[in-house]
Amino acid sequence: MSNIPLLKERESQIFRKGKEPFNMTCGKQSLAGSVSQRACVFCGSRVVLYPIADALHLIHGPIGCAAYTWDIRGALSSGPELHRMSFSTDLREKDVIFGGEKKLYHALIDLISQYAPKAAFVYSTCIVGIIGDDVGAVCKAVGEKTGIPVLPVHSEGFKGTKKDGYKAACNAMFSLIGKGDVSGISAKSINILGEFNIGGEAWMIKSYYQKMGIEVVSVMTGDGRVDDIRRSHGASLNVVQCSGSMTHLAEKMKEVFGIPYIRVSYFGLEDTSKALYDVAAYFADDPQIMESTKEIVRNEIQAVAAELQQIKKRVQGKRAAIYVGGAFKAFSLIKALRYLGIKVVLAGSQTGLQADYKILKEMCDEDTIILDDANSLELSKYVLEKKADLFIGGVKERPIAFKLGIGFCDHNHERKIPLAGYLGMLNFAREVYQTISSPVWQFTPKYLSSSRIGEGSMVVR
């Protein structure tokens, strides 16, 4: 079957700036096959919760679901490593027929006895939702017996998309908040939400705030600790980085505990500086915090500015395509690439909202392609059409870039270097320069035309 009608059916999710009306359809449910890049609810829940390093994470479902572990993505910990292990109840045909509650109960008792976690999260998968196991009741019984929080995560994959998994994770985590002692927490204190410490970014960001004179009560969830989350309601402000995954939790904390929140980004010089200044402005009653912030920003920028200017001279005028998980990440990437003199010709995300795409439209240049929930076929078509020199995305986009013979930069959870903060911007610029300037591209095939995408073959020269 030809793929060309597929593109026509999805025109409402593809927008070319400069043509009206702008009506980006987003938030649709995933479809089976290659039509969608969105992951399931279970995937989203694990992204948020697995970096809590001293908690036990048990998947209630078939062993196949346990193959998708956080350790594949790599959240760094400064202490416990329990989050790197993947546990599963390994439901079989007999369990599907007679139920898996007893198996779940005994698995939890054994694991908690052996590993002594601070808390346990139990993830429901599709089959559990179908057979009707009462995971909440089992968690309650185990919690009463063991004396630790055992929290059900209602993450049956068929319920929706990755965004619904974020919400399920936030609801489970919220059950911990408000249970800890808040005595001794400074009035100048924050929680960092939506930082997953892939390359040590959480440590870098915490150091900025500590130098400013601000206490970081908890990081949710990179290098996270259960006890810190339990007392996080004692902080004065929530600072939300990954808005797609953590805004729901910030809203709940605002509603129940009266803690306000602000949205920030730590990617690029401009957004990192704004994040620090916005937090300093919130504590305006202490002018020393703002003075310390100015000094930090000045010193950090001076340390990287010279090399960034040299890189800018070498990459200026290149063209980049962006396809990332959240639209807020795309905003920061556009700013960072523009600082380097690189034109963004395609921008898209998996989990953006209508309001996000309106902001994206204003940020993009004329005739930039804007996409929501694109598949490989569409991404290939428009990367070729726009003659991009560089593709920035995640693990699913890497093969597309390499097959098209252009450079690729990983901006997802598989990377090993920090991209947040001032040093992160320098790391990003170095990677962009090294990727674009690599001599390998002169030996790779270039696709002659994008007109034949969807016809089953592509012409190479």
Protein backbone atom coordinates (compact mmCIF):
# COMPACT_ATOMS: atom_id res chain seq x y z
CA MET A 1 0.00 0.00 0.00
CA SER A 2 1.34 3.43 -0.88
CA ASN A 3 2.30 5.72 1.97
CA ILE A 4 1.36 8.91 0.11
CA PRO A 5 -2.32 8.92 1.29
CA LEU A 6 -0.98 8.63 4.84
CA LEU A 7 0.70 12.03 4.47
CA LYS A 8 -2.54 13.55 3.17
CA GLU A 9 -4.54 12.16 6.09
CA ARG A 10 -2.15 13.76 8.57
CA GLU A 11 -1.92 17.22 7.03
CA SER A 12 -3.55 18.72 10.12
CA GLN A 13 -0.45 17.70 12.10
CA ILE A 14 2.00 19.28 9.64
CA PHE A 15 2.25 23.04 9.27
CA ARG A 16 4.42 25.22 7.09
CA LYS A 17 4.87 28.68 8.59
CA GLY A 18 3.69 31.39 6.25
CA LYS A 19 0.52 29.55 5.17
CA GLU A 20 -2.73 30.13 7.02
CA PRO A 21 -4.79 29.08 8.81
CA PHE A 22 -2.64 27.64 11.58
CA ASN A 23 -4.54 24.73 13.09
CA MET A 24 -2.14 22.17 14.51
CA THR A 25 -3.90 19.03 15.68
CA CYS A 26 -2.13 17.48 18.66
CA GLY A 27 -2.72 15.22 21.63
CA LYS A 28 -4.21 12.42 19.54
CA GLN A 29 -4.02 8.81 20.70
CA SER A 30 -1.25 6.64 19.32
CA LEU A 31 -2.05 4.29 16.46
CA ALA A 32 -0.48 0.90 15.90
CA GLY A 33 2.30 0.62 13.35
CA SER A 34 4.45 3.39 11.94
CA VAL A 35 1.83 6.13 11.98
CA SER A 36 2.87 7.40 15.41
CA GLN A 37 6.14 7.94 17.24
CA ARG A 38 4.42 8.32 20.61
CA ALA A 39 5.22 5.75 23.26
CA CYS A 40 2.71 4.13 25.60
CA VAL A 41 1.51 5.17 29.07
CA PHE A 42 3.80 2.68 30.80
CA CYS A 43 6.84 4.12 29.01
CA GLY A 44 5.99 7.66 30.15
CA SER A 45 5.53 6.64 33.77
CA ARG A 46 8.92 4.94 33.91
CA VAL A 47 10.69 7.93 32.40
CA VAL A 48 9.54 10.05 35.33
CA LEU A 49 9.88 7.63 38.24
CA TYR A 50 12.84 5.37 37.51
CA PRO A 51 15.57 7.94 38.35
CA ILE A 52 14.47 7.81 42.02
CA ALA A 53 17.55 5.87 43.00
CA ASP A 54 16.60 4.43 46.40
CA ALA A 55 13.17 3.13 45.39
CA LEU A 56 12.22 -0.32 44.15
CA HIS A 57 10.61 -0.43 40.71
CA LEU A 58 8.51 -3.52 39.94
CA ILE A 59 6.67 -4.08 36.67
CA HIS A 60 3.49 -6.10 37.06
CA GLY A 61 3.10 -7.70 33.68
CA PRO A 62 4.78 -9.90 31.06
CA ILE A 63 8.56 -10.05 31.00
CA GLY A 64 8.66 -8.22 27.68
CA CYS A 65 7.63 -4.94 29.29
CA ALA A 66 10.62 -5.16 31.64
CA ALA A 67 13.00 -5.01 28.69
CA TYR A 68 12.46 -1.26 28.48
CA THR A 69 14.60 -0.30 31.46
CA TRP A 70 15.77 3.08 32.65
CA ASP A 71 19.35 1.88 32.60
CA ILE A 72 19.11 1.83 28.82
CA ARG A 73 18.65 5.59 29.12
CA GLY A 74 21.06 6.06 32.02
CA ALA A 75 20.07 8.31 34.94
CA LEU A 76 23.14 8.97 37.08
CA SER A 77 23.07 8.53 40.86
CA SER A 78 25.43 9.87 43.51
CA GLY A 79 24.62 6.94 45.79
CA PRO A 80 22.13 4.05 45.50
CA GLU A 81 21.93 2.10 42.24
CA LEU A 82 18.67 0.23 42.86
CA HIS A 83 16.96 2.10 40.05
CA ARG A 84 19.25 0.44 37.51
CA MET A 85 17.71 -2.97 38.20
CA SER A 86 14.57 -4.11 36.43
CA PHE A 87 12.13 -6.35 38.29
CA SER A 88 9.06 -8.03 36.82
CA THR A 89 6.33 -10.38 38.02
CA ASP A 90 6.66 -12.15 34.65
CA LEU A 91 2.96 -12.90 34.17
CA ARG A 92 2.29 -16.08 32.20
CA GLU A 93 -0.83 -17.68 30.69
CA LYS A 94 -1.85 -19.24 34.02
CA ASP A 95 -1.64 -15.86 35.74
CA VAL A 96 -3.78 -14.27 33.06
CA ILE A 97 -6.48 -16.90 33.67
CA PHE A 98 -6.39 -17.03 37.48
CA GLY A 99 -5.06 -13.55 38.26
CA GLY A 100 -1.66 -12.28 39.29
CA GLU A 101 -2.35 -10.67 42.67
CA LYS A 102 -0.76 -13.43 44.79
CA LYS A 103 2.30 -13.43 42.56
CA LEU A 104 2.60 -9.65 42.92
CA TYR A 105 2.21 -9.82 46.71
CA HIS A 106 4.95 -12.43 47.17
CA ALA A 107 7.26 -10.67 44.68
CA LEU A 108 6.98 -7.44 46.64
CA ILE A 109 7.55 -9.10 50.00
CA ASP A 110 10.66 -10.92 48.72
CA LEU A 111 12.15 -7.87 46.94
CA ILE A 112 11.57 -5.48 49.83
CA SER A 113 13.11 -7.97 52.24
CA GLN A 114 16.18 -8.41 50.04
CA TYR A 115 16.83 -4.82 48.91
CA ALA A 116 15.35 -2.70 51.76
CA PRO A 117 14.18 0.18 49.53
CA LYS A 118 12.81 3.46 50.89
CA ALA A 119 9.66 2.98 48.79
CA ALA A 120 8.34 0.73 46.04
CA PHE A 121 6.55 1.64 42.81
CA VAL A 122 4.43 -1.01 41.09
CA TYR A 123 3.69 -0.40 37.41
CA SER A 124 0.52 -1.80 35.86
CA THR A 125 0.86 -2.88 32.23
CA CYS A 126 -1.76 -3.58 29.58
CA ILE A 127 -2.49 -7.16 30.58
CA VAL A 128 -3.08 -6.15 34.21
CA GLY A 129 -5.73 -3.68 33.11
CA ILE A 130 -7.40 -6.38 31.05
CA ILE A 131 -7.50 -9.13 33.71
CA GLY A 132 -8.46 -6.69 36.47
CA ASP A 133 -5.85 -7.31 39.18
CA ASP A 134 -6.44 -4.96 42.14
CA VAL A 135 -2.90 -3.61 42.27
CA GLY A 136 -3.87 -0.85 44.70
CA ALA A 137 -5.17 -3.33 47.28
CA VAL A 138 -2.02 -5.47 47.02
CA CYS A 139 0.21 -2.41 47.44
CA LYS A 140 -1.74 -1.31 50.50
CA ALA A 141 -1.43 -4.74 52.11
CA VAL A 142 2.31 -4.96 51.43
CA GLY A 143 2.83 -1.42 52.69
CA GLU A 144 1.12 -2.20 55.97
CA LYS A 145 3.19 -5.36 56.39
CA THR A 146 6.59 -3.86 55.49
CA GLY A 147 6.18 -0.31 56.82
CA ILE A 148 7.33 1.43 53.63
CA PRO A 149 5.26 3.26 51.00
CA VAL A 150 4.22 0.84 48.24
CA LEU A 151 2.66 2.88 45.47
CA PRO A 152 0.63 1.67 42.49
CA VAL A 153 1.33 3.37 39.17
CA HIS A 154 -1.75 3.07 36.98
CA SER A 155 0.17 2.94 33.72
CA GLU A 156 -1.69 0.44 31.55
CA GLY A 157 -0.24 1.11 28.12
CA PHE A 158 -3.53 1.19 26.22
CA LYS A 159 -4.89 4.10 28.26
CA GLY A 160 -3.30 6.74 26.05
CA THR A 161 0.09 8.16 25.20
CA LYS A 162 3.38 8.88 26.88
CA LYS A 163 1.91 12.10 28.33
CA ASP A 164 -0.70 10.08 30.19
CA GLY A 165 2.16 8.08 31.65
CA TYR A 166 3.73 11.28 32.96
CA LYS A 167 0.44 12.06 34.70
CA ALA A 168 0.19 8.56 36.20
CA ALA A 169 3.74 8.89 37.55
CA CYS A 170 3.03 12.33 39.04
CA ASN A 171 -0.09 10.98 40.76
CA ALA A 172 1.94 8.13 42.29
CA MET A 173 4.75 10.45 43.39
CA PHE A 174 2.30 12.91 44.91
CA SER A 175 1.32 10.18 47.38
CA LEU A 176 4.78 10.57 48.94
CA ILE A 177 4.72 14.36 49.22
CA GLY A 178 3.64 15.84 52.52
CA LYS A 179 4.76 12.86 54.59
CA GLY A 180 8.21 14.13 55.64
CA ASP A 181 9.59 16.52 58.25
CA VAL A 182 10.06 20.05 56.88
CA SER A 183 11.81 21.54 59.90
CA GLY A 184 15.07 23.24 59.06
CA ILE A 185 14.18 24.01 55.43
CA SER A 186 15.23 27.53 54.46
CA ALA A 187 12.72 30.16 53.38
CA LYS A 188 14.93 30.55 50.29
CA SER A 189 14.36 27.03 48.98
CA ILE A 190 13.20 25.30 45.80
CA ASN A 191 12.39 21.94 44.28
CA ILE A 192 13.75 21.18 40.81
CA LEU A 193 11.12 19.31 38.77
CA GLY A 194 11.71 17.58 35.45
CA GLU A 195 15.48 17.11 35.60
CA PHE A 196 16.56 13.48 35.06
CA ASN A 197 20.35 13.79 35.49
CA ILE A 198 21.25 11.97 32.28
CA GLY A 199 24.75 13.45 32.09
CA GLY A 200 25.09 14.87 35.59
CA GLU A 201 23.03 17.98 34.84
CA ALA A 202 21.17 17.88 38.17
CA TRP A 203 24.45 18.27 40.04
CA MET A 204 25.47 21.20 37.86
CA ILE A 205 22.13 22.97 38.26
CA LYS A 206 22.07 22.40 42.02
CA SER A 207 25.52 23.96 42.30
CA TYR A 208 24.31 27.14 40.56
CA TYR A 209 21.47 27.55 43.05
CA GLN A 210 23.63 26.73 46.05
CA LYS A 211 26.12 29.40 44.99
CA MET A 212 23.20 31.82 44.71
CA GLY A 213 22.30 31.09 48.34
CA ILE A 214 19.24 28.95 47.63
CA GLU A 215 18.57 25.54 49.18
CA VAL A 216 17.50 22.73 46.85
CA VAL A 217 15.15 20.51 48.85
CA SER A 218 14.63 17.85 46.18
CA VAL A 219 15.23 17.04 42.55
CA MET A 220 12.37 15.22 40.86
CA THR A 221 13.52 12.87 39.76
CA GLY A 222 17.17 12.74 38.64
CA ASP A 223 19.37 11.35 41.43
CA GLY A 224 16.18 11.55 43.49
CA ARG A 225 15.68 10.28 47.03
CA VAL A 226 12.41 9.20 48.59
CA ASP A 227 12.99 11.12 51.83
CA ASP A 228 13.69 14.35 49.92
CA ILE A 229 10.46 13.96 47.94
CA ARG A 230 8.49 13.30 51.13
CA ARG A 231 9.58 16.70 52.53
CA SER A 232 9.45 18.63 49.26
CA HIS A 233 6.25 20.40 50.33
CA GLY A 234 8.45 22.51 52.61
CA ALA A 235 10.07 24.35 49.68
CA SER A 236 9.02 27.87 48.77
CA LEU A 237 9.03 27.46 44.97
CA ASN A 238 8.87 24.71 42.37
CA VAL A 239 11.10 25.20 39.32
CA VAL A 240 9.79 23.09 36.43
CA GLN A 241 12.20 22.25 33.65
CA CYS A 242 10.52 19.48 31.64
CA SER A 243 7.05 21.01 31.60
CA GLY A 244 5.48 18.10 29.72
CA SER A 245 6.36 15.55 32.39
CA MET A 246 6.09 17.54 35.61
CA THR A 247 3.60 20.39 35.24
CA HIS A 248 0.81 18.12 36.51
CA LEU A 249 2.72 17.53 39.74
CA ALA A 250 3.52 21.23 40.10
CA GLU A 251 -0.17 22.05 39.70
CA LYS A 252 -1.15 19.51 42.36
CA MET A 253 1.46 20.87 44.78
CA LYS A 254 0.21 24.39 44.15
CA GLU A 255 -3.38 23.36 44.78
CA VAL A 256 -2.76 21.32 47.93
CA PHE A 257 0.30 22.97 49.51
CA GLY A 258 0.15 26.46 48.00
CA ILE A 259 3.60 26.23 46.40
CA PRO A 260 3.87 28.38 43.25
CA TYR A 261 5.89 27.24 40.25
CA ILE A 262 7.73 28.71 37.30
CA ARG A 263 8.73 27.10 34.00
CA VAL A 264 12.38 27.27 33.02
CA SER A 265 14.93 25.73 30.69
CA TYR A 266 18.62 25.11 31.36
CA PHE A 267 19.61 24.64 27.73
CA GLY A 268 21.61 27.42 26.09
CA LEU A 269 23.18 30.55 27.51
CA GLU A 270 20.04 32.64 27.23
CA ASP A 271 17.62 30.21 28.85
CA THR A 272 20.01 29.11 31.59
CA SER A 273 20.65 32.72 32.59
CA LYS A 274 16.94 33.51 32.50
CA ALA A 275 16.19 30.50 34.71
CA LEU A 276 18.65 31.67 37.36
CA TYR A 277 17.46 35.28 37.16
CA ASP A 278 13.79 34.23 37.40
CA VAL A 279 14.46 32.27 40.58
CA ALA A 280 16.52 35.14 42.03
CA ALA A 281 13.68 37.55 41.21
CA TYR A 282 11.23 35.37 43.12
CA PHE A 283 13.37 35.87 46.24
CA ALA A 284 13.71 39.61 45.61
CA ASP A 285 13.47 40.35 49.34
CA ASP A 286 17.08 39.17 49.57
CA PRO A 287 19.12 41.40 47.20
CA GLN A 288 22.27 39.38 47.85
CA ILE A 289 20.77 36.47 45.90
CA MET A 290 20.43 38.61 42.76
CA GLU A 291 23.97 39.95 43.14
CA SER A 292 25.33 36.43 43.48
CA THR A 293 23.33 35.38 40.42
CA LYS A 294 24.78 38.18 38.31
CA GLU A 295 28.29 37.17 39.30
CA ILE A 296 27.65 33.50 38.51
CA VAL A 297 26.16 34.30 35.08
CA ARG A 298 29.00 36.66 34.22
CA ASN A 299 31.74 34.22 35.23
CA GLU A 300 30.12 31.21 33.56
CA ILE A 301 29.57 32.99 30.24
CA GLN A 302 33.11 34.36 30.23
CA ALA A 303 34.46 30.84 30.69
CA VAL A 304 32.80 29.51 27.50
CA ALA A 305 32.33 32.58 25.27
CA ALA A 306 35.66 32.51 23.42
CA GLU A 307 35.36 28.92 22.23
CA LEU A 308 31.69 29.39 21.35
CA GLN A 309 32.58 32.31 19.08
CA GLN A 310 35.18 30.20 17.29
CA ILE A 311 32.65 27.42 16.73
CA LYS A 312 30.06 29.93 15.54
CA LYS A 313 32.36 31.08 12.73
CA ARG A 314 32.64 27.50 11.48
CA VAL A 315 28.96 26.45 11.58
CA GLN A 316 27.22 29.70 10.65
CA GLY A 317 24.77 29.34 7.78
CA LYS A 318 24.09 25.61 8.23
CA ARG A 319 20.54 24.23 8.36
CA ALA A 320 19.11 22.05 11.14
CA ALA A 321 16.03 19.89 11.69
CA ILE A 322 14.72 19.37 15.24
CA TYR A 323 12.39 16.61 16.43
CA VAL A 324 12.27 16.09 20.21
CA GLY A 325 9.94 14.83 22.92
CA GLY A 326 8.61 18.10 24.33
CA ALA A 327 7.98 21.42 22.61
CA PHE A 328 9.65 23.35 25.43
CA LYS A 329 12.90 21.57 24.57
CA ALA A 330 12.45 22.66 20.96
CA PHE A 331 12.17 26.31 22.07
CA SER A 332 15.56 26.15 23.75
CA LEU A 333 17.17 24.34 20.84
CA ILE A 334 15.99 27.00 18.40
CA LYS A 335 17.51 29.73 20.57
CA ALA A 336 20.80 27.85 20.96
CA LEU A 337 21.09 27.10 17.24
CA ARG A 338 20.23 30.68 16.36
CA TYR A 339 23.02 31.83 18.68
CA LEU A 340 25.40 29.67 16.64
CA GLY A 341 24.07 31.12 13.39
CA ILE A 342 22.29 27.91 12.32
CA LYS A 343 18.89 28.15 10.63
CA VAL A 344 16.14 25.82 11.89
CA VAL A 345 14.21 24.52 8.87
CA LEU A 346 12.09 21.88 10.64
CA ALA A 347 10.82 21.75 14.23
CA GLY A 348 8.55 19.22 15.84
CA SER A 349 7.74 17.29 19.00
CA GLN A 350 5.93 14.21 20.20
CA THR A 351 4.02 15.70 23.12
CA GLY A 352 3.44 19.38 22.32
CA LEU A 353 0.20 21.20 23.08
CA GLN A 354 -1.72 23.72 20.97
CA ALA A 355 -0.30 26.58 23.04
CA ASP A 356 3.24 25.23 22.58
CA TYR A 357 2.90 25.13 18.81
CA LYS A 358 1.66 28.70 18.70
CA ILE A 359 4.84 29.77 20.51
CA LEU A 360 6.87 27.58 18.17
CA LYS A 361 5.25 29.27 15.18
CA GLU A 362 6.30 32.70 16.44
CA MET A 363 9.86 31.54 17.05
CA CYS A 364 10.40 29.86 13.68
CA ASP A 365 11.45 31.48 10.42
CA GLU A 366 9.15 31.74 7.42
CA ASP A 367 8.53 28.45 5.62
CA THR A 368 9.80 26.36 8.56
CA ILE A 369 8.06 22.99 8.74
CA ILE A 370 6.35 22.39 12.11
CA LEU A 371 5.23 18.84 12.95
CA ASP A 372 3.44 17.01 15.75
CA ASP A 373 3.82 13.25 16.31
CA ALA A 374 5.59 12.68 12.99
CA ASN A 375 6.65 9.29 11.67
CA SER A 376 9.86 8.32 9.90
CA LEU A 377 8.35 8.77 6.45
CA GLU A 378 7.29 12.34 7.12
CA LEU A 379 10.53 13.30 8.83
CA SER A 380 12.56 11.94 5.92
CA LYS A 381 10.44 13.77 3.38
CA TYR A 382 10.77 17.18 4.99
CA VAL A 383 14.43 16.84 6.04
CA LEU A 384 15.21 16.24 2.38
CA GLU A 385 12.94 18.99 1.13
CA LYS A 386 14.54 21.54 3.46
CA LYS A 387 18.10 20.33 2.70
CA ALA A 388 19.07 20.04 6.36
CA ASP A 389 22.74 19.59 7.25
CA LEU A 390 22.00 18.36 10.76
CA PHE A 391 19.24 16.41 12.51
CA ILE A 392 18.77 16.79 16.28
CA GLY A 393 16.52 14.21 17.92
CA GLY A 394 16.38 10.98 19.88
CA VAL A 395 17.18 7.33 19.35
CA LYS A 396 14.40 6.80 16.77
CA GLU A 397 15.63 9.66 14.60
CA ARG A 398 19.30 8.65 14.41
CA PRO A 399 18.82 6.02 11.66
CA ILE A 400 16.86 8.55 9.58
CA ALA A 401 19.72 11.03 9.62
CA PHE A 402 22.39 8.45 8.84
CA LYS A 403 20.38 6.91 5.99
CA LEU A 404 19.93 10.36 4.49
CA GLY A 405 23.65 11.05 4.79
CA ILE A 406 23.50 13.98 7.22
CA GLY A 407 24.88 14.60 10.70
CA PHE A 408 22.97 13.68 13.85
CA CYS A 409 23.14 15.02 17.42
CA ASP A 410 21.53 13.05 20.24
CA HIS A 411 19.36 15.23 22.47
CA ASN A 412 17.56 12.41 24.22
CA HIS A 413 18.29 10.07 27.14
CA GLU A 414 20.90 7.92 25.39
CA ARG A 415 23.61 10.60 25.45
CA LYS A 416 26.49 10.54 27.91
CA ILE A 417 27.51 14.21 28.12
CA PRO A 418 25.67 17.01 29.98
CA LEU A 419 23.87 19.50 27.74
CA ALA A 420 22.38 21.70 30.46
CA GLY A 421 23.88 24.90 31.81
CA TYR A 422 26.82 26.87 30.45
CA LEU A 423 29.16 23.93 30.10
CA GLY A 424 26.32 22.04 28.46
CA MET A 425 25.96 24.73 25.81
CA LEU A 426 29.67 24.43 25.03
CA ASN A 427 29.35 20.63 24.84
CA PHE A 428 26.41 21.02 22.47
CA ALA A 429 28.25 23.49 20.24
CA ARG A 430 31.27 21.21 20.07
CA GLU A 431 29.09 18.26 19.10
CA VAL A 432 27.32 20.28 16.40
CA TYR A 433 30.64 21.45 14.95
CA GLN A 434 32.26 18.02 15.06
CA THR A 435 29.20 16.40 13.49
CA ILE A 436 28.72 18.89 10.66
CA SER A 437 32.42 19.13 9.82
CA SER A 438 33.13 15.38 9.88
CA PRO A 439 34.80 14.25 6.63
CA VAL A 440 32.62 11.12 6.59
CA TRP A 441 29.74 12.97 4.90
CA GLN A 442 31.65 13.33 1.64
CA PHE A 443 31.62 9.54 1.33
CA THR A 444 27.94 8.96 2.19
CA PRO A 445 25.17 8.73 -0.42
CA LYS A 446 22.94 11.77 -0.82
CA TYR A 447 19.31 11.36 -1.81
CA LEU A 448 18.62 12.99 -5.11
CA SER A 449 15.05 14.07 -4.51
CA SER A 450 12.33 13.99 -1.87
CA SER A 451 9.58 13.62 -4.49
CA ARG A 452 9.74 9.82 -4.42
CA ILE A 453 9.35 9.41 -0.67
CA GLY A 454 6.48 6.98 -0.10
CA GLU A 455 6.83 5.21 -3.45
CA GLY A 456 8.79 2.36 -1.97
CA SER A 457 12.24 3.48 -3.14
CA MET A 458 14.55 6.47 -3.13
CA VAL A 459 17.12 7.46 -5.72
CA VAL A 460 20.74 7.74 -4.61
CA ARG A 461 23.75 9.03 -6.41
